[in-house]
């Protein structure tokens, strides 16, 4: 891709390059010795996503996954860092300059109910981005496009005049997907799009996302805490802990050979349907609580819960390539 940023671990096919991304939130009325207090939600995160690829982003609740995704599309303004999309650093663009870029980057949100305006019909919800980006010229063209999008996500034209409260969670998420597709994006951030849905519906939504990706050559960042589902849909997986990416690798490499102690603990919690194998497995139980991102540990942030901690862990480990694109931030490796 012409002009594409060629930072760590990237190549010419990369559509998205995140470099040293930080997002800190200033705490209200919070000072220590006269200095402002910040919650370090995302702290120096870097990764790339190739065109047509799905990168999974996993970790415990509160590790910064959603904040990372929202900052990438500038729903939150970054504290520092770079976000290269099609070779352009979009963090340097003004709000006006971001409008055509936002057409190419969309987001599917976790809660399908709260992400849809309850006072708008489905037709208005899906039609709004068409009008914002001037993609239609008349009402007939608008309705034809809305009907087309509803059909793509498994709904019918009869649903167009209904309100969100008249739908199930799975149907509402399909409406959210249709809204994201309305502007013909290249890149979609899926922020835990199935976590609020019934288990019986989750596979349907994931299959729909995969079909749409193949049909429209979409690129995904798939944020989730369901490690089994992430393995199913992703090509590569990044593991976050307390605002940091601690491991990133091809999904098979990550699941077969997890190197970071935190990744090993996460994967040990995935149930295996074979009862004989499940009985022989030894689950890794992490001790202690996750430290607060307001005052994270110095050095390795996982050291307070790691049974392998050693003096070197007082220094922050760099995210390094240990071979084959397998990145890990750990002094043990």
Protein backbone atom coordinates (compact mmCIF):
# COMPACT_ATOMS: atom_id res chain seq x y z
CA UNK A 1 0.00 0.00 0.00
CA UNK A 2 1.50 3.26 -1.11
CA UNK A 3 2.71 5.44 1.73
CA UNK A 4 1.92 2.88 4.41
CA UNK A 5 3.72 3.33 7.71
CA UNK A 6 6.35 0.64 8.14
CA UNK A 7 6.74 0.47 11.89
CA UNK A 8 7.32 -2.52 14.12
CA UNK A 9 5.89 -5.73 12.72
CA UNK A 10 4.17 -4.11 9.74
CA UNK A 11 4.25 -4.72 6.03
CA UNK A 12 2.86 -3.22 2.86
CA UNK A 13 -0.51 -4.98 3.31
CA UNK A 14 -1.24 -3.34 6.66
CA UNK A 15 -4.40 -1.25 6.64
CA UNK A 16 -4.13 -0.22 10.30
CA UNK A 17 -1.00 0.57 12.29
CA UNK A 18 -1.26 1.59 15.94
CA UNK A 19 2.00 2.93 17.32
CA UNK A 20 2.68 3.77 20.99
CA UNK A 21 -0.97 4.56 21.70
CA UNK A 22 -1.73 6.05 25.10
CA UNK A 23 -5.06 7.09 26.55
CA UNK A 24 -5.09 8.50 30.07
CA UNK A 25 -8.20 9.84 31.82
CA UNK A 26 -7.75 12.61 34.39
CA UNK A 27 -9.53 11.68 37.61
CA UNK A 28 -11.96 14.29 38.96
CA UNK A 29 -10.80 16.08 42.11
CA UNK A 30 -7.88 13.73 42.33
CA UNK A 31 -4.40 14.96 43.22
CA UNK A 32 -1.38 13.48 44.93
CA UNK A 33 1.14 15.97 46.33
CA UNK A 34 -0.42 18.67 44.17
CA UNK A 35 -0.18 16.66 40.92
CA UNK A 36 -3.13 15.52 38.82
CA UNK A 37 -4.06 11.84 38.98
CA UNK A 38 -4.62 9.88 35.78
CA UNK A 39 -6.16 6.52 35.01
CA UNK A 40 -3.79 4.86 32.54
CA UNK A 41 -6.38 2.95 30.50
CA UNK A 42 -4.14 2.32 27.48
CA UNK A 43 -0.40 2.71 27.88
CA UNK A 44 2.01 2.46 24.94
CA UNK A 45 0.15 -0.08 22.78
CA UNK A 46 1.40 -0.98 19.29
CA UNK A 47 0.08 -3.44 16.70
CA UNK A 48 -0.90 -3.63 13.04
CA UNK A 49 -3.80 -5.20 11.18
CA UNK A 50 -3.39 -6.38 7.59
CA UNK A 51 -6.04 -5.69 5.00
CA UNK A 52 -8.76 -8.36 5.15
CA UNK A 53 -7.47 -9.71 8.48
CA UNK A 54 -9.19 -10.09 11.85
CA UNK A 55 -7.07 -9.25 14.89
CA UNK A 56 -8.52 -10.46 18.17
CA UNK A 57 -7.96 -8.31 21.28
CA UNK A 58 -8.53 -10.13 24.57
CA UNK A 59 -8.02 -9.62 28.29
CA UNK A 60 -9.83 -9.24 31.59
CA UNK A 61 -12.55 -6.65 32.08
CA UNK A 62 -10.97 -3.24 32.67
CA UNK A 63 -7.71 -4.03 30.86
CA UNK A 64 -8.27 -1.26 28.28
CA UNK A 65 -9.61 -3.20 25.27
CA UNK A 66 -12.67 -1.03 24.64
CA UNK A 67 -10.79 2.19 25.36
CA UNK A 68 -8.17 1.15 22.80
CA UNK A 69 -10.83 0.57 20.15
CA UNK A 70 -12.70 3.78 20.85
CA UNK A 71 -9.51 5.82 20.80
CA UNK A 72 -8.52 4.32 17.45
CA UNK A 73 -11.65 5.79 15.83
CA UNK A 74 -11.35 8.95 17.95
CA UNK A 75 -14.48 8.53 19.99
CA UNK A 76 -11.87 9.29 22.65
CA UNK A 77 -9.05 11.66 21.81
CA UNK A 78 -5.64 10.02 22.35
CA UNK A 79 -3.22 11.19 25.00
CA UNK A 80 -0.33 10.40 22.65
CA UNK A 81 0.73 7.99 19.93
CA UNK A 82 -0.14 7.39 16.29
CA UNK A 83 -2.90 5.62 14.41
CA UNK A 84 -2.05 5.09 10.75
CA UNK A 85 -4.99 4.22 8.52
CA UNK A 86 -4.14 3.67 4.84
CA UNK A 87 -0.78 5.25 5.61
CA UNK A 88 -2.25 8.43 7.12
CA UNK A 89 -1.86 9.37 10.78
CA UNK A 90 -5.48 10.13 11.62
CA UNK A 91 -4.59 11.50 15.07
CA UNK A 92 -3.18 14.55 13.30
CA UNK A 93 -6.40 15.30 11.42
CA UNK A 94 -8.92 17.95 12.38
CA UNK A 95 -12.55 17.04 13.07
CA UNK A 96 -13.50 18.15 9.57
CA UNK A 97 -10.68 16.15 7.99
CA UNK A 98 -11.81 13.09 9.97
CA UNK A 99 -15.27 12.97 8.36
CA UNK A 100 -14.24 11.09 5.18
CA UNK A 101 -11.94 8.85 7.25
CA UNK A 102 -14.77 7.91 9.62
CA UNK A 103 -16.75 6.73 6.62
CA UNK A 104 -14.10 4.04 6.14
CA UNK A 105 -13.89 3.13 9.86
CA UNK A 106 -16.96 2.00 11.77
CA UNK A 107 -17.71 0.43 15.14
CA UNK A 108 -20.14 -2.22 16.37
CA UNK A 109 -20.87 -1.74 20.06
CA UNK A 110 -21.23 -4.21 22.91
CA UNK A 111 -24.76 -3.42 24.08
CA UNK A 112 -27.13 -3.58 21.09
CA UNK A 113 -29.88 -1.75 23.00
CA UNK A 114 -27.97 1.21 24.41
CA UNK A 115 -26.15 1.78 21.10
CA UNK A 116 -29.44 2.36 19.22
CA UNK A 117 -31.56 5.46 19.74
CA UNK A 118 -34.88 4.19 21.18
CA UNK A 119 -36.77 7.12 19.63
CA UNK A 120 -35.63 6.38 16.09
CA UNK A 121 -37.02 3.75 13.76
CA UNK A 122 -34.71 1.21 12.19
CA UNK A 123 -35.05 3.13 8.93
CA UNK A 124 -33.82 6.32 10.60
CA UNK A 125 -31.00 4.53 12.45
CA UNK A 126 -29.57 2.96 9.29
CA UNK A 127 -30.38 5.96 7.09
CA UNK A 128 -28.65 8.54 9.32
CA UNK A 129 -25.05 7.69 8.26
CA UNK A 130 -26.17 7.68 4.60
CA UNK A 131 -27.32 11.28 5.02
CA UNK A 132 -24.33 12.39 7.12
CA UNK A 133 -21.92 11.23 4.42
CA UNK A 134 -24.18 12.31 1.52
CA UNK A 135 -24.36 8.81 0.05
CA UNK A 136 -27.94 9.10 -1.19
CA UNK A 137 -29.68 11.72 -3.32
CA UNK A 138 -33.39 11.08 -2.77
CA UNK A 139 -35.84 9.21 -0.54
CA UNK A 140 -36.32 6.32 -2.96
CA UNK A 141 -32.59 5.67 -3.15
CA UNK A 142 -32.40 5.93 0.64
CA UNK A 143 -35.11 3.30 1.23
CA UNK A 144 -33.68 0.93 -1.38
CA UNK A 145 -30.30 1.07 0.34
CA UNK A 146 -31.90 0.51 3.78
CA UNK A 147 -33.82 -2.52 2.49
CA UNK A 148 -30.62 -3.87 0.94
CA UNK A 149 -28.73 -3.51 4.22
CA UNK A 150 -31.51 -5.16 6.23
CA UNK A 151 -31.47 -8.09 3.85
CA UNK A 152 -27.68 -8.39 4.21
CA UNK A 153 -27.95 -8.88 7.97
CA UNK A 154 -30.88 -11.31 7.86
CA UNK A 155 -33.75 -8.89 8.49
CA UNK A 156 -36.63 -7.88 6.21
CA UNK A 157 -38.00 -4.62 4.84
CA UNK A 158 -40.97 -4.97 7.21
CA UNK A 159 -38.56 -4.27 10.09
CA UNK A 160 -37.68 -0.80 8.76
CA UNK A 161 -40.50 1.07 10.51
CA UNK A 162 -40.15 -0.59 13.89
CA UNK A 163 -38.32 0.69 16.99
CA UNK A 164 -35.39 -0.99 18.80
CA UNK A 165 -37.52 -2.10 21.77
CA UNK A 166 -39.54 -4.31 19.41
CA UNK A 167 -36.52 -6.50 18.65
CA UNK A 168 -34.52 -9.16 20.46
CA UNK A 169 -30.89 -8.52 21.41
CA UNK A 170 -29.64 -10.50 18.44
CA UNK A 171 -31.86 -8.57 16.04
CA UNK A 172 -30.73 -5.25 17.53
CA UNK A 173 -27.10 -6.25 17.01
CA UNK A 174 -27.92 -7.03 13.37
CA UNK A 175 -29.33 -3.52 13.07
CA UNK A 176 -26.08 -2.17 14.52
CA UNK A 177 -24.13 -4.19 11.96
CA UNK A 178 -26.34 -2.85 9.15
CA UNK A 179 -25.70 0.70 10.35
CA UNK A 180 -21.95 0.08 10.32
CA UNK A 181 -22.12 -1.34 6.79
CA UNK A 182 -24.21 1.55 5.45
CA UNK A 183 -21.20 3.71 4.56
CA UNK A 184 -19.18 0.90 2.88
CA UNK A 185 -16.36 0.85 5.46
CA UNK A 186 -13.02 -0.90 5.08
CA UNK A 187 -12.32 -1.35 8.79
CA UNK A 188 -14.77 -2.26 11.57
CA UNK A 189 -14.03 -2.41 15.29
CA UNK A 190 -16.24 -5.06 16.86
CA UNK A 191 -16.37 -4.18 20.56
CA UNK A 192 -17.51 -7.38 22.28
CA UNK A 193 -20.43 -7.64 19.81
CA UNK A 194 -21.71 -10.95 21.20
CA UNK A 195 -21.09 -10.71 24.95
CA UNK A 196 -24.58 -9.32 25.67
CA UNK A 197 -26.34 -11.96 23.56
CA UNK A 198 -27.72 -15.39 24.38
CA UNK A 199 -25.25 -18.20 23.71
CA UNK A 200 -27.59 -19.63 21.06
CA UNK A 201 -27.43 -16.34 19.12
CA UNK A 202 -23.70 -15.64 19.48
CA UNK A 203 -22.62 -18.14 16.81
CA UNK A 204 -25.17 -16.72 14.36
CA UNK A 205 -23.80 -13.19 14.74
CA UNK A 206 -20.17 -14.35 14.44
CA UNK A 207 -21.02 -16.35 11.31
CA UNK A 208 -22.73 -13.26 9.88
CA UNK A 209 -19.63 -11.15 10.55
CA UNK A 210 -17.45 -13.74 8.81
CA UNK A 211 -19.77 -13.87 5.77
CA UNK A 212 -19.79 -10.08 5.50
CA UNK A 213 -16.01 -9.95 5.83
CA UNK A 214 -15.60 -12.36 2.94
CA UNK A 215 -18.20 -10.61 0.81
CA UNK A 216 -16.95 -7.05 1.31
CA UNK A 217 -13.25 -7.71 2.06
CA UNK A 218 -13.56 -6.14 5.51
CA UNK A 219 -10.84 -5.78 8.12
CA UNK A 220 -11.81 -6.36 11.77
CA UNK A 221 -10.50 -5.62 15.23
CA UNK A 222 -12.51 -8.12 17.29
CA UNK A 223 -12.54 -7.21 20.99
CA UNK A 224 -13.75 -9.95 23.32
CA UNK A 225 -13.17 -11.91 26.50
CA UNK A 226 -14.49 -15.21 25.11
CA UNK A 227 -11.20 -16.81 24.14
CA UNK A 228 -12.80 -19.73 22.31
CA UNK A 229 -14.81 -17.40 20.05
CA UNK A 230 -11.79 -15.18 19.44
CA UNK A 231 -9.82 -18.20 18.27
CA UNK A 232 -12.63 -19.06 15.85
CA UNK A 233 -12.86 -15.69 14.13
CA UNK A 234 -9.34 -14.23 14.41
CA UNK A 235 -6.16 -14.65 12.39
CA UNK A 236 -3.89 -13.20 15.08
CA UNK A 237 -4.59 -12.42 18.74
CA UNK A 238 -3.26 -9.70 21.04
CA UNK A 239 -3.51 -10.17 24.81
CA UNK A 240 -3.87 -7.07 27.01
CA UNK A 241 -3.21 -6.73 30.71
CA UNK A 242 -3.64 -3.48 32.64
CA UNK A 243 -3.34 -1.25 29.58
CA UNK A 244 -0.44 -3.12 27.96
CA UNK A 245 -0.19 -5.69 25.17
CA UNK A 246 1.73 -8.55 26.79
CA UNK A 247 1.58 -11.07 23.93
CA UNK A 248 0.64 -11.06 20.25
CA UNK A 249 0.82 -14.00 17.87
CA UNK A 250 -0.89 -16.10 15.23
CA UNK A 251 -3.90 -17.73 16.89
CA UNK A 252 -2.61 -21.29 16.55
CA UNK A 253 0.82 -20.32 17.83
CA UNK A 254 -0.71 -18.45 20.76
CA UNK A 255 -3.03 -21.28 21.80
CA UNK A 256 -0.48 -24.06 21.27
CA UNK A 257 2.50 -22.21 22.72
CA UNK A 258 1.50 -19.35 25.06
CA UNK A 259 4.64 -17.73 26.43
CA UNK A 260 3.49 -15.03 28.81
CA UNK A 261 2.35 -16.28 32.26
CA UNK A 262 -0.83 -14.21 31.99
CA UNK A 263 -1.72 -15.73 28.61
CA UNK A 264 -1.08 -19.19 30.03
CA UNK A 265 -3.49 -18.48 32.88
CA UNK A 266 -6.18 -17.16 30.52
CA UNK A 267 -5.98 -20.16 28.21
CA UNK A 268 -6.03 -22.62 31.11
CA UNK A 269 -9.53 -21.36 31.95
CA UNK A 270 -11.03 -22.32 28.57
CA UNK A 271 -13.20 -25.43 29.04
CA UNK A 272 -12.50 -28.40 26.78
CA UNK A 273 -15.50 -30.51 25.66
CA UNK A 274 -13.59 -33.78 26.15
CA UNK A 275 -14.15 -34.76 29.82
CA UNK A 276 -11.08 -37.01 29.93
CA UNK A 277 -8.78 -34.22 28.73
CA UNK A 278 -10.53 -31.66 30.95
CA UNK A 279 -9.94 -33.78 34.08
CA UNK A 280 -6.22 -34.04 33.36
CA UNK A 281 -5.73 -30.32 32.81
CA UNK A 282 -4.36 -28.14 35.55
CA UNK A 283 -5.92 -24.73 35.72
CA UNK A 284 -3.64 -21.82 36.61
CA UNK A 285 -5.24 -19.77 39.37
CA UNK A 286 -3.93 -16.21 39.61
CA UNK A 287 -3.57 -14.89 43.14
CA UNK A 288 -4.34 -11.37 44.21
CA UNK A 289 -6.40 -8.63 42.59
CA UNK A 290 -5.71 -6.75 39.37
CA UNK A 291 -3.83 -3.56 40.36
CA UNK A 292 -5.53 -0.25 39.73
CA UNK A 293 -4.66 1.50 36.44
CA UNK A 294 -4.53 4.74 38.43
CA UNK A 295 -1.33 3.59 40.11
CA UNK A 296 -0.03 0.53 38.22
CA UNK A 297 3.06 -1.36 39.40
CA UNK A 298 6.39 -0.09 38.14
CA UNK A 299 8.19 -2.38 35.74
CA UNK A 300 6.21 -5.41 34.63
CA UNK A 301 2.57 -4.78 35.46
CA UNK A 302 1.90 -8.48 35.94
CA UNK A 303 4.61 -8.97 38.56
CA UNK A 304 2.23 -8.64 41.53
CA UNK A 305 0.34 -11.77 40.39
CA UNK A 306 3.11 -13.74 38.69
CA UNK A 307 4.61 -16.79 40.42
CA UNK A 308 7.76 -16.49 38.29
CA UNK A 309 8.61 -12.92 39.34
CA UNK A 310 12.31 -12.11 39.65
CA UNK A 311 14.43 -8.96 40.24
CA UNK A 312 14.53 -8.08 36.52
CA UNK A 313 10.75 -7.59 36.61
CA UNK A 314 11.33 -4.25 38.33
CA UNK A 315 12.14 -3.01 34.81
CA UNK A 316 9.38 -2.87 32.19
CA UNK A 317 9.87 -5.66 29.63
CA UNK A 318 9.75 -4.61 25.95
CA UNK A 319 7.36 -6.30 23.54
CA UNK A 320 9.84 -8.31 21.47
CA UNK A 321 9.62 -10.74 18.58
CA UNK A 322 10.75 -14.21 19.66
CA UNK A 323 10.33 -15.68 16.20
CA UNK A 324 7.69 -15.97 13.51
CA UNK A 325 5.97 -12.76 14.51
CA UNK A 326 5.28 -14.07 18.03
CA UNK A 327 5.60 -11.00 20.25
CA UNK A 328 5.87 -11.21 24.02
CA UNK A 329 6.67 -8.76 26.82
CA UNK A 330 8.31 -10.86 29.51
CA UNK A 331 11.80 -11.08 31.05
CA UNK A 332 11.40 -14.87 31.33
CA UNK A 333 11.51 -15.29 27.56
